[in-house]
């Protein structure tokens, strides 16, 4: 592979990476929760791109090109999954904004949470504990803030579920699943390989060099998005800003999902 060919591959990879899509929205949305969650989603999407490259190099992705039904069915499944992710993001944003409005109105919805304007009364008397013990208690509204507050007691089912969803592993699987249910990625590699693969090159070359370059470019861009969001942590600690951005990303994901699902349904009916 010549240097000029590889530079052309880098250019194509860069254009693909910066093109707004569901992977960008997922990384952005999860970066609002925490840097770890954003990194997980970005890595999952990039690993999925590498898997699609392997499928294309071994000929398995060609099945979707040869079978329109399989392609449209996977598009439908992927669209429904993206809709689910978008709706979940919008519900989370609505909860954040509602809690903030209630707290501003003097009705703390999350006692001891980030939007509770009044700290809990400190009890006194026998059996309560020393002043030092009381002073070491967590102060409401401080700590992790809106992006990772202790809204529920330690060990509660809701807290554990949220920790699973926003963990690196949880968001990695979300990013992986979102990209793997998008057959357009596989078709992209099918169209890319003939243009940049030297005559007689092995599948390992296509996977390692071509697929690796695309996946790495995608990962670097998504990581940049995550780090940019994380750098704006002070500004994004405002629950109104966070809620509105999350609502916007949720609407975008839902819109992409509806488009993918509609395309799949029309393809199956046609």
Foldseek 3Di string as FASTA:
>chain_A
DDPVLLVVLLVVLLVVQPDDDLLLLLLLLLLLLPLLLSLLLLLLLLVLLLVLLLCLLVVNLCVCVVDVLVQLVLLQVLLVLLLVVLVVLLVVLVVLVVQQVCLVVVRHPQQLEQSNPDDDDQDDDPPSDDPVVVVPDDTRNDDPFPSHICRDDPPDPVVVVVCCCSHSNNSSVSNNVNNNSNSVSSVVSNVVCVSRPDPPDHSCCSSCSSSVSSSVSNSVSSSVSSVVSVVCCVVSSPSNNSSVSSNVSSVRSSVSSVVSSVSSVVSVVD
